């Protein structure tokens, strides 16, 4: 069995490949794994699909939006889209519309169903 205790956050995200799907917890800034997201940002994986409550916030704290701004996310599946990169507001105006990034707004319960391992429960 693989040892799942790592010496650092950087070591924990070292083998996340390009194109991976990542889940990021948190709501309203509470429970966001800021250190892991910062490590993933440093690691540089790209074309990621993210699943989170939202696509990041507009403040300077590290959250899933840090990966959106760094163009590491190809797609975000979230209950609501707050991050201005997807609306062409803050970074989008500076860098041009992020046509390579796609938000997929999906209410919380259907997100949970998409992640549920038993496909028989998807229709409930």
Protein backbone atom coordinates (compact mmCIF):
# COMPACT_ATOMS: atom_id res chain seq x y z
CA UNK A 1 0.00 0.00 0.00
CA UNK A 2 1.27 3.45 -0.91
CA UNK A 3 2.30 5.70 1.94
CA UNK A 4 -0.05 8.70 1.83
CA UNK A 5 1.87 10.81 4.32
CA UNK A 6 4.10 13.27 2.50
CA UNK A 7 6.97 15.39 3.75
CA UNK A 8 5.65 18.53 2.04
CA UNK A 9 2.74 19.89 0.06
CA UNK A 10 4.96 19.94 -3.03
CA UNK A 11 5.67 16.21 -2.62
CA UNK A 12 1.93 15.53 -2.22
CA UNK A 13 1.10 17.03 -5.63
CA UNK A 14 4.26 16.01 -7.49
CA UNK A 15 2.64 13.19 -9.52
CA UNK A 16 -0.54 15.00 -10.54
CA UNK A 17 -0.33 14.80 -14.35
CA UNK A 18 -1.52 17.23 -16.99
CA UNK A 19 -5.20 16.60 -17.74
CA UNK A 20 -6.05 15.33 -14.24
CA UNK A 21 -9.34 16.06 -12.48
CA UNK A 22 -9.01 17.64 -9.04
CA UNK A 23 -11.64 18.20 -6.37
CA UNK A 24 -11.25 21.22 -4.11
CA UNK A 25 -13.35 21.58 -0.97
CA UNK A 26 -14.32 24.81 0.70
CA UNK A 27 -17.19 27.25 0.91
CA UNK A 28 -16.85 30.98 1.29
CA UNK A 29 -13.12 30.71 1.94
CA UNK A 30 -13.53 28.15 4.73
CA UNK A 31 -11.94 24.73 4.25
CA UNK A 32 -9.99 25.68 1.12
CA UNK A 33 -6.73 23.68 0.88
CA UNK A 34 -4.67 26.81 0.15
CA UNK A 35 -1.26 25.18 0.71
CA UNK A 36 -2.04 22.27 -1.63
CA UNK A 37 -3.41 24.59 -4.31
CA UNK A 38 -0.30 26.78 -4.03
CA UNK A 39 1.88 23.67 -4.41
CA UNK A 40 -0.12 22.55 -7.47
CA UNK A 41 0.30 26.03 -8.93
CA UNK A 42 4.09 25.77 -8.43
CA UNK A 43 4.10 22.22 -9.85
CA UNK A 44 2.59 23.54 -13.09
CA UNK A 45 0.19 20.77 -14.17
CA UNK A 46 -2.10 22.07 -16.93
CA UNK A 47 -5.30 21.20 -18.77
CA UNK A 48 -6.84 20.31 -15.42
CA UNK A 49 -10.54 19.81 -14.77
CA UNK A 50 -11.54 21.27 -11.43
CA UNK A 51 -14.59 20.42 -9.35
CA UNK A 52 -15.41 22.88 -6.59
CA UNK A 53 -18.22 24.91 -5.07
CA UNK A 54 -17.08 27.88 -7.16
CA UNK A 55 -14.34 28.85 -9.59
CA UNK A 56 -12.45 31.01 -7.12
CA UNK A 57 -12.88 34.41 -5.58
CA UNK A 58 -11.72 37.89 -6.49
CA UNK A 59 -9.51 38.43 -3.45
CA UNK A 60 -5.78 37.81 -3.24
CA UNK A 61 -6.02 34.56 -1.23
CA UNK A 62 -4.89 31.35 -2.89
CA UNK A 63 -7.84 29.25 -3.94
CA UNK A 64 -8.95 27.32 -7.02
CA UNK A 65 -9.06 30.67 -8.84
CA UNK A 66 -5.26 30.82 -8.58
CA UNK A 67 -5.11 27.87 -10.99
CA UNK A 68 -7.75 29.47 -13.21
CA UNK A 69 -5.74 32.70 -13.46
CA UNK A 70 -2.55 30.73 -14.20
CA UNK A 71 -4.41 29.04 -17.10
CA UNK A 72 -3.85 25.62 -15.53
CA UNK A 73 -7.58 24.83 -15.64
CA UNK A 74 -9.18 23.69 -18.85
CA UNK A 75 -12.62 23.21 -17.31
CA UNK A 76 -14.32 24.03 -14.00
CA UNK A 77 -17.38 22.18 -12.77
CA UNK A 78 -18.89 24.30 -10.01
CA UNK A 79 -22.18 25.15 -8.32
CA UNK A 80 -21.78 28.78 -9.34
CA UNK A 81 -19.22 30.75 -11.31
CA UNK A 82 -17.74 33.58 -9.28
CA UNK A 83 -14.32 33.84 -10.80
CA UNK A 84 -14.04 36.83 -13.15
CA UNK A 85 -11.79 34.93 -15.58
CA UNK A 86 -14.90 33.10 -16.73
CA UNK A 87 -16.92 36.28 -17.10
CA UNK A 88 -14.17 38.27 -18.82
CA UNK A 89 -13.99 40.71 -15.91
CA UNK A 90 -10.61 41.03 -14.16
CA UNK A 91 -7.89 38.87 -15.70
CA UNK A 92 -10.00 38.30 -18.81
CA UNK A 93 -9.93 42.00 -19.65
CA UNK A 94 -6.16 42.10 -19.17
CA UNK A 95 -5.35 38.99 -21.19
CA UNK A 96 -8.30 38.73 -23.55
CA UNK A 97 -11.27 36.42 -23.21
CA UNK A 98 -10.20 32.99 -21.94
CA UNK A 99 -11.74 30.97 -24.77
CA UNK A 100 -9.66 27.94 -23.78
CA UNK A 101 -11.28 27.75 -20.35
CA UNK A 102 -14.83 26.49 -19.88
CA UNK A 103 -17.07 26.84 -16.83
CA UNK A 104 -19.74 24.21 -16.26
CA UNK A 105 -22.19 25.59 -13.70
CA UNK A 106 -23.98 22.73 -12.00
CA UNK A 107 -26.02 22.79 -8.75
CA UNK A 108 -24.44 21.07 -5.74
CA UNK A 109 -26.54 17.90 -5.72
CA UNK A 110 -25.84 17.04 -9.37
CA UNK A 111 -22.12 17.67 -8.74
CA UNK A 112 -22.25 15.13 -5.93
CA UNK A 113 -24.06 12.67 -8.22
CA UNK A 114 -21.41 13.07 -10.91
CA UNK A 115 -18.77 12.14 -8.37
CA UNK A 116 -20.70 9.24 -6.84
CA UNK A 117 -18.97 5.93 -7.68
CA UNK A 118 -22.20 3.97 -8.22
CA UNK A 119 -23.72 4.87 -11.62
CA UNK A 120 -27.09 3.41 -10.56
CA UNK A 121 -27.47 6.39 -8.19
CA UNK A 122 -26.94 9.05 -10.86
CA UNK A 123 -30.61 9.14 -11.82
CA UNK A 124 -31.84 9.88 -8.29
